[in-house]
Amino acid sequence: MNTTQLIQQILKKKSFLCIGLDTDLDKIPAFLLAKEDPIFEFNKAIIDATHHLAVAYKPNTAFYEAYGLKGWQALEKTINYLNTNYPEIFTIADAKRGDIGNTSSRYAKAFFEDLAFDSVTVAPYMGKDSVEPFLAFQDKFTIMLALTSNQGAFDFQTQLIENEELYKQVLKTSLTWENSAQLMYVVGATKAAYFKEVRSIVPDSFLLVPGVGAQGGSLTEVCKYGMNTKVGLLVNSARGIIYAATDTNFALAAADKARELQLEMQKILTEHKFI
């Protein structure tokens, strides 16, 4: 998928919603635990109920790796189901990988070729040669951590180095890397005040925005400072949608929560004259 196709989906669905598939066996409806693959059955039900409201899904790989081989198989079944039944959906492997040389190449091959995700999240701490191997894959996107929504983000990301915050230096440096046009960036919704500064450095890039919903981020504030001329946002919600209910109607409850966000996004897109 390319950005033109992603933008077309955003305008068609009147949504820039990304749903996080952070599937935890301790939180899904108990009746699903009797299924052969409860993780996949949960994901499938959520996807089928919400695919018309979302333009992206983001499984966090930790929630699958925690269950060993069975968890990885559930992840594989989930991405295959998405690619087969809803190929217009943008898929994100939230893996936060980042290592040098051949190791990053192997990570990229795993997520881009074997699992056929459209994108993967990476940590840039090890620099250029840890990220460029991901950028070498054509028509795939690398979503780099820039300014995250967790409390510990202030430990390093906003520290001043030669009178400039570290996250700004990371953003500027990333633009010099080969195939940097394939970069997207993670910017947390709880850091809404920083979006204007982020946009001054990467005005045209898509931003993946976690933190709306359970973490308390404001969609209105994110859009006010983070939206660009091509929308340029994928706003993620996980717990607030997928765990809206724990009974047999859990998927319908998830759809109701997703629709609430989609309608809010539709209003914002209308106000900004995208639709």
C-alpha atoms as a PDB file:
ATOM      1  CA  MET A   1       0.000   0.000   0.000  1.00  0.00           C
ATOM      2  CA  ASN A   2       1.194   3.538  -0.722  1.00  0.00           C
ATOM      3  CA  THR A   3       0.199   6.802   0.948  1.00  0.00           C
ATOM      4  CA  THR A   4      -2.135   7.747  -1.907  1.00  0.00           C
ATOM      5  CA  GLN A   5      -4.161   4.578  -1.311  1.00  0.00           C
ATOM      6  CA  LEU A   6      -4.146   5.207   2.432  1.00  0.00           C
ATOM      7  CA  ILE A   7      -5.436   8.752   1.968  1.00  0.00           C
ATOM      8  CA  GLN A   8      -8.155   7.456  -0.363  1.00  0.00           C
ATOM      9  CA  GLN A   9      -9.315   5.062   2.362  1.00  0.00           C
ATOM     10  CA  ILE A  10      -9.331   7.854   4.933  1.00  0.00           C
ATOM     11  CA  LEU A  11     -11.556  10.008   2.750  1.00  0.00           C
ATOM     12  CA  LYS A  12     -13.788   7.096   1.726  1.00  0.00           C
ATOM     13  CA  LYS A  13     -14.387   5.905   5.288  1.00  0.00           C
ATOM     14  CA  LYS A  14     -14.301   9.424   6.750  1.00  0.00           C
ATOM     15  CA  SER A  15     -11.945   8.027   9.343  1.00  0.00           C
ATOM     16  CA  PHE A  16      -8.291   7.950  10.294  1.00  0.00           C
ATOM     17  CA  LEU A  17      -8.851   5.405  13.035  1.00  0.00           C
ATOM     18  CA  CYS A  18      -6.297   2.711  13.788  1.00  0.00           C
ATOM     19  CA  ILE A  19      -7.440  -0.074  16.107  1.00  0.00           C
ATOM     20  CA  GLY A  20      -4.827  -1.680  18.302  1.00  0.00           C
ATOM     21  CA  LEU A  21      -5.170  -5.444  18.574  1.00  0.00           C
ATOM     22  CA  ASP A  22      -3.486  -5.800  21.975  1.00  0.00           C
ATOM     23  CA  THR A  23      -5.164  -9.113  22.655  1.00  0.00           C
ATOM     24  CA  ASP A  24      -4.767 -10.423  26.190  1.00  0.00           C
ATOM     25  CA  LEU A  25      -6.232 -13.786  27.209  1.00  0.00           C
ATOM     26  CA  ASP A  26      -6.866 -12.377  30.682  1.00  0.00           C
ATOM     27  CA  LYS A  27      -9.179  -9.697  29.258  1.00  0.00           C
ATOM     28  CA  ILE A  28     -11.063 -11.279  26.362  1.00  0.00           C
ATOM     29  CA  PRO A  29     -14.537 -12.782  26.952  1.00  0.00           C
ATOM     30  CA  ALA A  30     -14.227 -16.003  28.940  1.00  0.00           C
ATOM     31  CA  PHE A  31     -16.359 -18.053  26.544  1.00  0.00           C
ATOM     32  CA  LEU A  32     -13.723 -17.621  23.821  1.00  0.00           C
ATOM     33  CA  LEU A  33     -11.149 -19.503  25.895  1.00  0.00           C
ATOM     34  CA  ALA A  34     -12.826 -22.772  24.900  1.00  0.00           C
ATOM     35  CA  LYS A  35     -11.994 -22.102  21.232  1.00  0.00           C
ATOM     36  CA  GLU A  36      -9.006 -23.756  19.558  1.00  0.00           C
ATOM     37  CA  ASP A  37      -7.433 -20.340  18.932  1.00  0.00           C
ATOM     38  CA  PRO A  38      -9.114 -17.794  21.232  1.00  0.00           C
ATOM     39  CA  ILE A  39      -6.759 -14.948  20.255  1.00  0.00           C
ATOM     40  CA  PHE A  40      -7.559 -15.256  16.567  1.00  0.00           C
ATOM     41  CA  GLU A  41     -11.289 -15.742  17.210  1.00  0.00           C
ATOM     42  CA  PHE A  42     -11.320 -12.541  19.268  1.00  0.00           C
ATOM     43  CA  ASN A  43      -9.351 -10.608  16.624  1.00  0.00           C
ATOM     44  CA  LYS A  44     -11.519 -11.897  13.783  1.00  0.00           C
ATOM     45  CA  ALA A  45     -14.715 -10.822  15.545  1.00  0.00           C
ATOM     46  CA  ILE A  46     -13.303  -7.350  16.296  1.00  0.00           C
ATOM     47  CA  ILE A  47     -12.092  -6.906  12.707  1.00  0.00           C
ATOM     48  CA  ASP A  48     -15.362  -8.061  11.145  1.00  0.00           C
ATOM     49  CA  ALA A  49     -17.327  -5.676  13.370  1.00  0.00           C
ATOM     50  CA  THR A  50     -15.115  -2.598  12.883  1.00  0.00           C
ATOM     51  CA  HIS A  51     -13.375  -2.818   9.477  1.00  0.00           C
ATOM     52  CA  HIS A  52     -15.751  -0.266   7.911  1.00  0.00           C
ATOM     53  CA  LEU A  53     -14.848   2.256  10.615  1.00  0.00           C
ATOM     54  CA  ALA A  54     -11.060   1.856  10.679  1.00  0.00           C
ATOM     55  CA  VAL A  55      -8.341   2.371   8.084  1.00  0.00           C
ATOM     56  CA  ALA A  56      -5.619   0.513  10.004  1.00  0.00           C
ATOM     57  CA  TYR A  57      -5.060  -2.265  12.535  1.00  0.00           C
ATOM     58  CA  LYS A  58      -2.036  -2.477  14.802  1.00  0.00           C
ATOM     59  CA  PRO A  59      -1.292  -5.741  16.589  1.00  0.00           C
ATOM     60  CA  ASN A  60       1.297  -5.190  19.314  1.00  0.00           C
ATOM     61  CA  THR A  61       3.545  -8.217  18.895  1.00  0.00           C
ATOM     62  CA  ALA A  62       4.282  -8.507  22.631  1.00  0.00           C
ATOM     63  CA  PHE A  63       0.721  -9.693  23.211  1.00  0.00           C
ATOM     64  CA  TYR A  64       1.384 -12.583  20.796  1.00  0.00           C
ATOM     65  CA  GLU A  65       4.985 -13.395  21.663  1.00  0.00           C
ATOM     66  CA  ALA A  66       3.896 -13.798  25.298  1.00  0.00           C
ATOM     67  CA  TYR A  67       2.052 -16.993  24.315  1.00  0.00           C
ATOM     68  CA  GLY A  68       4.949 -18.569  22.427  1.00  0.00           C
ATOM     69  CA  LEU A  69       4.342 -20.487  19.217  1.00  0.00           C
ATOM     70  CA  LYS A  70       0.545 -20.428  19.594  1.00  0.00           C
ATOM     71  CA  GLY A  71       0.597 -16.663  19.971  1.00  0.00           C
ATOM     72  CA  TRP A  72       2.798 -16.198  16.904  1.00  0.00           C
ATOM     73  CA  GLN A  73       0.493 -18.474  14.909  1.00  0.00           C
ATOM     74  CA  ALA A  74      -2.483 -16.369  16.019  1.00  0.00           C
ATOM     75  CA  LEU A  75      -0.662 -13.256  14.796  1.00  0.00           C
ATOM     76  CA  GLU A  76       0.028 -14.912  11.457  1.00  0.00           C
ATOM     77  CA  LYS A  77      -3.608 -15.961  11.105  1.00  0.00           C
ATOM     78  CA  THR A  78      -4.728 -12.426  11.986  1.00  0.00           C
ATOM     79  CA  ILE A  79      -2.576 -10.688   9.365  1.00  0.00           C
ATOM     80  CA  ASN A  80      -3.495 -13.302   6.751  1.00  0.00           C
ATOM     81  CA  TYR A  81      -7.177 -12.748   7.525  1.00  0.00           C
ATOM     82  CA  LEU A  82      -6.785  -8.989   7.134  1.00  0.00           C
ATOM     83  CA  ASN A  83      -4.816  -9.225   3.895  1.00  0.00           C
ATOM     84  CA  THR A  84      -7.234 -11.729   2.378  1.00  0.00           C
ATOM     85  CA  ASN A  85     -10.551 -10.230   3.429  1.00  0.00           C
ATOM     86  CA  TYR A  86      -9.785  -6.529   3.853  1.00  0.00           C
ATOM     87  CA  PRO A  87      -6.780  -5.769   1.631  1.00  0.00           C
ATOM     88  CA  GLU A  88      -7.575  -2.046   1.687  1.00  0.00           C
ATOM     89  CA  ILE A  89      -6.690  -1.916   5.400  1.00  0.00           C
ATOM     90  CA  PHE A  90      -3.262  -0.552   6.373  1.00  0.00           C
ATOM     91  CA  THR A  91      -1.509  -2.990   8.713  1.00  0.00           C
ATOM     92  CA  ILE A  92       1.040  -2.120  11.362  1.00  0.00           C
ATOM     93  CA  ALA A  93       3.263  -4.579  13.210  1.00  0.00           C
ATOM     94  CA  ASP A  94       3.870  -2.789  16.490  1.00  0.00           C
ATOM     95  CA  ALA A  95       7.144  -4.546  17.226  1.00  0.00           C
ATOM     96  CA  LYS A  96       9.450  -1.611  18.110  1.00  0.00           C
ATOM     97  CA  ARG A  97      12.432  -3.408  16.657  1.00  0.00           C
ATOM     98  CA  GLY A  98      15.841  -1.814  16.204  1.00  0.00           C
ATOM     99  CA  ASP A  99      19.239  -3.409  15.773  1.00  0.00           C
ATOM    100  CA  ILE A 100      22.173  -3.015  13.413  1.00  0.00           C
ATOM    101  CA  GLY A 101      22.914  -4.390   9.946  1.00  0.00           C
ATOM    102  CA  ASN A 102      21.870  -7.936   9.173  1.00  0.00           C
ATOM    103  CA  THR A 103      19.715  -8.183  12.302  1.00  0.00           C
ATOM    104  CA  SER A 104      17.456  -5.342  11.220  1.00  0.00           C
ATOM    105  CA  SER A 105      17.300  -6.848   7.738  1.00  0.00           C
ATOM    106  CA  ARG A 106      16.038 -10.103   9.250  1.00  0.00           C
ATOM    107  CA  TYR A 107      13.463  -8.278  11.343  1.00  0.00           C
ATOM    108  CA  ALA A 108      12.293  -6.408   8.249  1.00  0.00           C
ATOM    109  CA  LYS A 109      12.091  -9.610   6.227  1.00  0.00           C
ATOM    110  CA  ALA A 110      10.024 -11.272   8.963  1.00  0.00           C
ATOM    111  CA  PHE A 111       7.396  -8.547   9.096  1.00  0.00           C
ATOM    112  CA  PHE A 112       7.379  -7.316   5.495  1.00  0.00           C
ATOM    113  CA  GLU A 113       7.840 -10.560   3.557  1.00  0.00           C
ATOM    114  CA  ASP A 114       6.864 -13.501   5.744  1.00  0.00           C
ATOM    115  CA  LEU A 115       3.945 -11.844   7.552  1.00  0.00           C
ATOM    116  CA  ALA A 116       3.255  -9.251   4.815  1.00  0.00           C
ATOM    117  CA  PHE A 117       2.555  -6.275   7.069  1.00  0.00           C
ATOM    118  CA  ASP A 118       2.443  -2.852   5.414  1.00  0.00           C
ATOM    119  CA  SER A 119       4.544  -1.284   8.158  1.00  0.00           C
ATOM    120  CA  VAL A 120       6.485  -1.919  11.339  1.00  0.00           C
ATOM    121  CA  THR A 121       7.406   0.277  14.298  1.00  0.00           C
ATOM    122  CA  VAL A 122      11.099   0.726  15.094  1.00  0.00           C
ATOM    123  CA  ALA A 123      13.200   2.326  17.827  1.00  0.00           C
ATOM    124  CA  PRO A 124      15.887   4.679  16.434  1.00  0.00           C
ATOM    125  CA  TYR A 125      18.274   4.676  19.410  1.00  0.00           C
ATOM    126  CA  MET A 126      20.985   2.771  17.474  1.00  0.00           C
ATOM    127  CA  GLY A 127      20.826   5.195  14.563  1.00  0.00           C
ATOM    128  CA  LYS A 128      20.975   5.099  10.789  1.00  0.00           C
ATOM    129  CA  ASP A 129      22.192   1.550  10.217  1.00  0.00           C
ATOM    130  CA  SER A 130      19.463   0.175  12.464  1.00  0.00           C
ATOM    131  CA  VAL A 131      16.643   1.834  10.494  1.00  0.00           C
ATOM    132  CA  GLU A 132      17.781   1.927   6.854  1.00  0.00           C
ATOM    133  CA  PRO A 133      17.467  -1.874   6.408  1.00  0.00           C
ATOM    134  CA  PHE A 134      13.714  -1.477   7.003  1.00  0.00           C
ATOM    135  CA  LEU A 135      13.541   1.414   4.523  1.00  0.00           C
ATOM    136  CA  ALA A 136      15.058  -0.751   1.791  1.00  0.00           C
ATOM    137  CA  PHE A 137      11.745  -2.589   1.310  1.00  0.00           C
ATOM    138  CA  GLN A 138       9.703  -0.993  -1.471  1.00  0.00           C
ATOM    139  CA  ASP A 139       6.092   0.023  -0.737  1.00  0.00           C
ATOM    140  CA  LYS A 140       6.573  -0.698   2.960  1.00  0.00           C
ATOM    141  CA  PHE A 141       6.651   1.866   5.746  1.00  0.00           C
ATOM    142  CA  THR A 142       8.838   2.191   8.799  1.00  0.00           C
ATOM    143  CA  ILE A 143       7.156   3.944  11.719  1.00  0.00           C
ATOM    144  CA  MET A 144       9.856   5.406  13.924  1.00  0.00           C
ATOM    145  CA  LEU A 145       9.391   6.295  17.578  1.00  0.00           C
ATOM    146  CA  ALA A 146       9.725  10.075  17.837  1.00  0.00           C
ATOM    147  CA  LEU A 147       7.876  11.383  20.895  1.00  0.00           C
ATOM    148  CA  THR A 148       6.016   8.730  22.831  1.00  0.00           C
ATOM    149  CA  SER A 149       3.033   8.962  25.180  1.00  0.00           C
ATOM    150  CA  ASN A 150       4.544   7.255  28.230  1.00  0.00           C
ATOM    151  CA  GLN A 151       5.760   9.111  31.317  1.00  0.00           C
ATOM    152  CA  GLY A 152       9.342   7.982  30.754  1.00  0.00           C
ATOM    153  CA  ALA A 153       9.451   9.858  27.447  1.00  0.00           C
ATOM    154  CA  PHE A 154      10.759  12.830  29.402  1.00  0.00           C
ATOM    155  CA  ASP A 155      13.810  10.846  30.545  1.00  0.00           C
ATOM    156  CA  PHE A 156      15.500  11.269  27.159  1.00  0.00           C
ATOM    157  CA  GLN A 157      13.256  12.475  24.338  1.00  0.00           C
ATOM    158  CA  THR A 158      12.742  16.038  25.537  1.00  0.00           C
ATOM    159  CA  GLN A 159      16.185  16.554  27.044  1.00  0.00           C
ATOM    160  CA  LEU A 160      18.123  19.511  25.659  1.00  0.00           C
ATOM    161  CA  ILE A 161      21.315  18.774  23.771  1.00  0.00           C
ATOM    162  CA  GLU A 162      23.029  21.913  22.519  1.00  0.00           C
ATOM    163  CA  ASN A 163      19.805  23.862  23.163  1.00  0.00           C
ATOM    164  CA  GLU A 164      17.571  21.535  21.162  1.00  0.00           C
ATOM    165  CA  GLU A 165      15.352  18.693  22.344  1.00  0.00           C
ATOM    166  CA  LEU A 166      16.636  15.246  21.458  1.00  0.00           C
ATOM    167  CA  TYR A 167      13.430  14.211  19.663  1.00  0.00           C
ATOM    168  CA  LYS A 168      13.864  17.133  17.248  1.00  0.00           C
ATOM    169  CA  GLN A 169      17.409  16.051  16.473  1.00  0.00           C
ATOM    170  CA  VAL A 170      16.188  12.494  15.868  1.00  0.00           C
ATOM    171  CA  LEU A 171      13.497  13.734  13.476  1.00  0.00           C
ATOM    172  CA  LYS A 172      15.909  15.957  11.559  1.00  0.00           C
ATOM    173  CA  THR A 173      18.555  13.249  11.299  1.00  0.00           C
ATOM    174  CA  SER A 174      16.056  10.675  10.049  1.00  0.00           C
ATOM    175  CA  LEU A 175      15.274  12.873   7.049  1.00  0.00           C
ATOM    176  CA  THR A 176      18.849  12.409   5.814  1.00  0.00           C
ATOM    177  CA  TRP A 177      18.571   8.619   5.656  1.00  0.00           C
ATOM    178  CA  GLU A 178      18.133   6.696   2.415  1.00  0.00           C
ATOM    179  CA  ASN A 179      14.465   6.209   1.443  1.00  0.00           C
ATOM    180  CA  SER A 180      13.352   8.518   4.264  1.00  0.00           C
ATOM    181  CA  ALA A 181      10.140   9.205   2.323  1.00  0.00           C
ATOM    182  CA  GLN A 182       8.993   5.801   3.620  1.00  0.00           C
ATOM    183  CA  LEU A 183       9.193   6.956   7.220  1.00  0.00           C
ATOM    184  CA  MET A 184       6.216   7.608   9.448  1.00  0.00           C
ATOM    185  CA  TYR A 185       6.548   8.670  13.072  1.00  0.00           C
ATOM    186  CA  VAL A 186       5.011   7.788  16.430  1.00  0.00           C
ATOM    187  CA  VAL A 187       3.911  10.873  18.359  1.00  0.00           C
ATOM    188  CA  GLY A 188       1.818  10.313  21.474  1.00  0.00           C
ATOM    189  CA  ALA A 189      -1.541  12.019  21.870  1.00  0.00           C
ATOM    190  CA  THR A 190      -0.650  12.984  25.434  1.00  0.00           C
ATOM    191  CA  LYS A 191       2.075  15.208  23.951  1.00  0.00           C
ATOM    192  CA  ALA A 192      -0.365  17.331  21.911  1.00  0.00           C
ATOM    193  CA  ALA A 193       1.480  20.558  22.732  1.00  0.00           C
ATOM    194  CA  TYR A 194       4.493  19.253  20.825  1.00  0.00           C
ATOM    195  CA  PHE A 195       2.697  18.491  17.556  1.00  0.00           C
ATOM    196  CA  LYS A 196       3.304  21.954  16.132  1.00  0.00           C
ATOM    197  CA  GLU A 197       7.053  21.513  16.625  1.00  0.00           C
ATOM    198  CA  VAL A 198       6.968  18.018  15.120  1.00  0.00           C
ATOM    199  CA  ARG A 199       5.105  19.302  12.072  1.00  0.00           C
ATOM    200  CA  SER A 200       7.668  22.053  11.545  1.00  0.00           C
ATOM    201  CA  ILE A 201      10.252  19.314  10.928  1.00  0.00           C
ATOM    202  CA  VAL A 202       8.178  16.590   9.184  1.00  0.00           C
ATOM    203  CA  PRO A 203       5.284  18.492   7.580  1.00  0.00           C
ATOM    204  CA  ASP A 204       4.374  15.820   5.039  1.00  0.00           C
ATOM    205  CA  SER A 205       4.826  12.574   6.960  1.00  0.00           C
ATOM    206  CA  PHE A 206       2.099  10.424   8.470  1.00  0.00           C
ATOM    207  CA  LEU A 207       2.044  10.357  12.258  1.00  0.00           C
ATOM    208  CA  LEU A 208       0.856   7.331  14.209  1.00  0.00           C
ATOM    209  CA  VAL A 209      -0.772   8.689  17.351  1.00  0.00           C
ATOM    210  CA  PRO A 210      -1.364   6.411  20.340  1.00  0.00           C
ATOM    211  CA  GLY A 211      -2.825   7.660  23.590  1.00  0.00           C
ATOM    212  CA  VAL A 212      -6.352   8.726  22.588  1.00  0.00           C
ATOM    213  CA  GLY A 213      -8.951   7.075  24.789  1.00  0.00           C
ATOM    214  CA  ALA A 214      -7.688   5.064  27.755  1.00  0.00           C
ATOM    215  CA  GLN A 215      -4.519   7.179  28.069  1.00  0.00           C
ATOM    216  CA  GLY A 216      -6.470  10.446  28.028  1.00  0.00           C
ATOM    217  CA  GLY A 217      -5.188  12.123  24.869  1.00  0.00           C
ATOM    218  CA  SER A 218      -7.431  14.690  23.139  1.00  0.00           C
ATOM    219  CA  LEU A 219      -8.364  13.960  19.528  1.00  0.00           C
ATOM    220  CA  THR A 220      -9.323  17.603  18.974  1.00  0.00           C
ATOM    221  CA  GLU A 221      -5.937  18.858  20.185  1.00  0.00           C
ATOM    222  CA  VAL A 222      -4.050  16.244  18.161  1.00  0.00           C
ATOM    223  CA  CYS A 223      -5.853  17.274  14.974  1.00  0.00           C
ATOM    224  CA  LYS A 224      -5.518  20.994  15.683  1.00  0.00           C
ATOM    225  CA  TYR A 225      -1.730  20.804  15.715  1.00  0.00           C
ATOM    226  CA  GLY A 226      -0.932  17.530  13.951  1.00  0.00           C
ATOM    227  CA  MET A 227      -3.144  17.374  10.864  1.00  0.00           C
ATOM    228  CA  ASN A 228      -1.510  18.335   7.561  1.00  0.00           C
ATOM    229  CA  THR A 229      -2.836  19.024   4.051  1.00  0.00           C
ATOM    230  CA  LYS A 230      -3.263  15.275   3.424  1.00  0.00           C
ATOM    231  CA  VAL A 231      -4.700  14.494   6.867  1.00  0.00           C
ATOM    232  CA  GLY A 232      -1.426  12.803   7.812  1.00  0.00           C
ATOM    233  CA  LEU A 233      -2.696  11.117  10.975  1.00  0.00           C
ATOM    234  CA  LEU A 234      -3.456   7.587  12.087  1.00  0.00           C
ATOM    235  CA  VAL A 235      -4.974   7.804  15.554  1.00  0.00           C
ATOM    236  CA  ASN A 236      -4.795   4.555  17.495  1.00  0.00           C
ATOM    237  CA  SER A 237      -7.160   3.268  20.145  1.00  0.00           C
ATOM    238  CA  ALA A 238      -6.881  -0.209  21.606  1.00  0.00           C
ATOM    239  CA  ARG A 239      -8.244  -0.893  25.088  1.00  0.00           C
ATOM    240  CA  GLY A 240     -11.023   1.667  24.754  1.00  0.00           C
ATOM    241  CA  ILE A 241     -12.430  -0.220  21.769  1.00  0.00           C
ATOM    242  CA  ILE A 242     -11.559  -3.896  21.934  1.00  0.00           C
ATOM    243  CA  TYR A 243     -12.412  -4.332  25.623  1.00  0.00           C
ATOM    244  CA  ALA A 244     -15.631  -2.316  25.587  1.00  0.00           C
ATOM    245  CA  ALA A 245     -17.513  -5.425  26.766  1.00  0.00           C
ATOM    246  CA  THR A 246     -16.750  -8.971  27.872  1.00  0.00           C
ATOM    247  CA  ASP A 247     -20.018 -10.735  27.060  1.00  0.00           C
ATOM    248  CA  THR A 248     -21.160 -12.364  23.824  1.00  0.00           C
ATOM    249  CA  ASN A 249     -21.860  -8.927  22.351  1.00  0.00           C
ATOM    250  CA  PHE A 250     -18.232  -7.783  22.761  1.00  0.00           C
ATOM    251  CA  ALA A 251     -17.711  -7.181  19.037  1.00  0.00           C
ATOM    252  CA  LEU A 252     -20.823  -5.027  18.737  1.00  0.00           C
ATOM    253  CA  ALA A 253     -19.735  -3.037  21.775  1.00  0.00           C
ATOM    254  CA  ALA A 254     -16.323  -2.540  20.140  1.00  0.00           C
ATOM    255  CA  ALA A 255     -18.031  -1.325  16.970  1.00  0.00           C
ATOM    256  CA  ASP A 256     -20.054   1.180  18.987  1.00  0.00           C
ATOM    257  CA  LYS A 257     -16.891   2.603  20.543  1.00  0.00           C
ATOM    258  CA  ALA A 258     -15.133   2.680  17.171  1.00  0.00           C
ATOM    259  CA  ARG A 259     -18.123   4.457  15.642  1.00  0.00           C
ATOM    260  CA  GLU A 260     -17.962   7.145  18.328  1.00  0.00           C
ATOM    261  CA  LEU A 261     -14.382   7.935  17.344  1.00  0.00           C
ATOM    262  CA  GLN A 262     -15.125   7.669  13.628  1.00  0.00           C
ATOM    263  CA  LEU A 263     -17.982  10.161  13.904  1.00  0.00           C
ATOM    264  CA  GLU A 264     -15.724  12.546  15.789  1.00  0.00           C
ATOM    265  CA  MET A 265     -13.124  12.131  13.052  1.00  0.00           C
ATOM    266  CA  GLN A 266     -15.744  12.676  10.347  1.00  0.00           C
ATOM    267  CA  LYS A 267     -16.696  15.957  11.998  1.00  0.00           C
ATOM    268  CA  ILE A 268     -13.064  17.070  12.107  1.00  0.00           C
ATOM    269  CA  LEU A 269     -12.475  16.079   8.467  1.00  0.00           C
ATOM    270  CA  THR A 270     -15.548  18.090   7.495  1.00  0.00           C
ATOM    271  CA  GLU A 271     -14.409  21.125   9.485  1.00  0.00           C
ATOM    272  CA  HIS A 272     -11.007  20.949   7.759  1.00  0.00           C
ATOM    273  CA  LYS A 273     -12.771  20.628   4.384  1.00  0.00           C
ATOM    274  CA  PHE A 274     -11.349  17.201   3.494  1.00  0.00           C
ATOM    275  CA  ILE A 275     -14.852  15.891   2.853  1.00  0.00           C
END
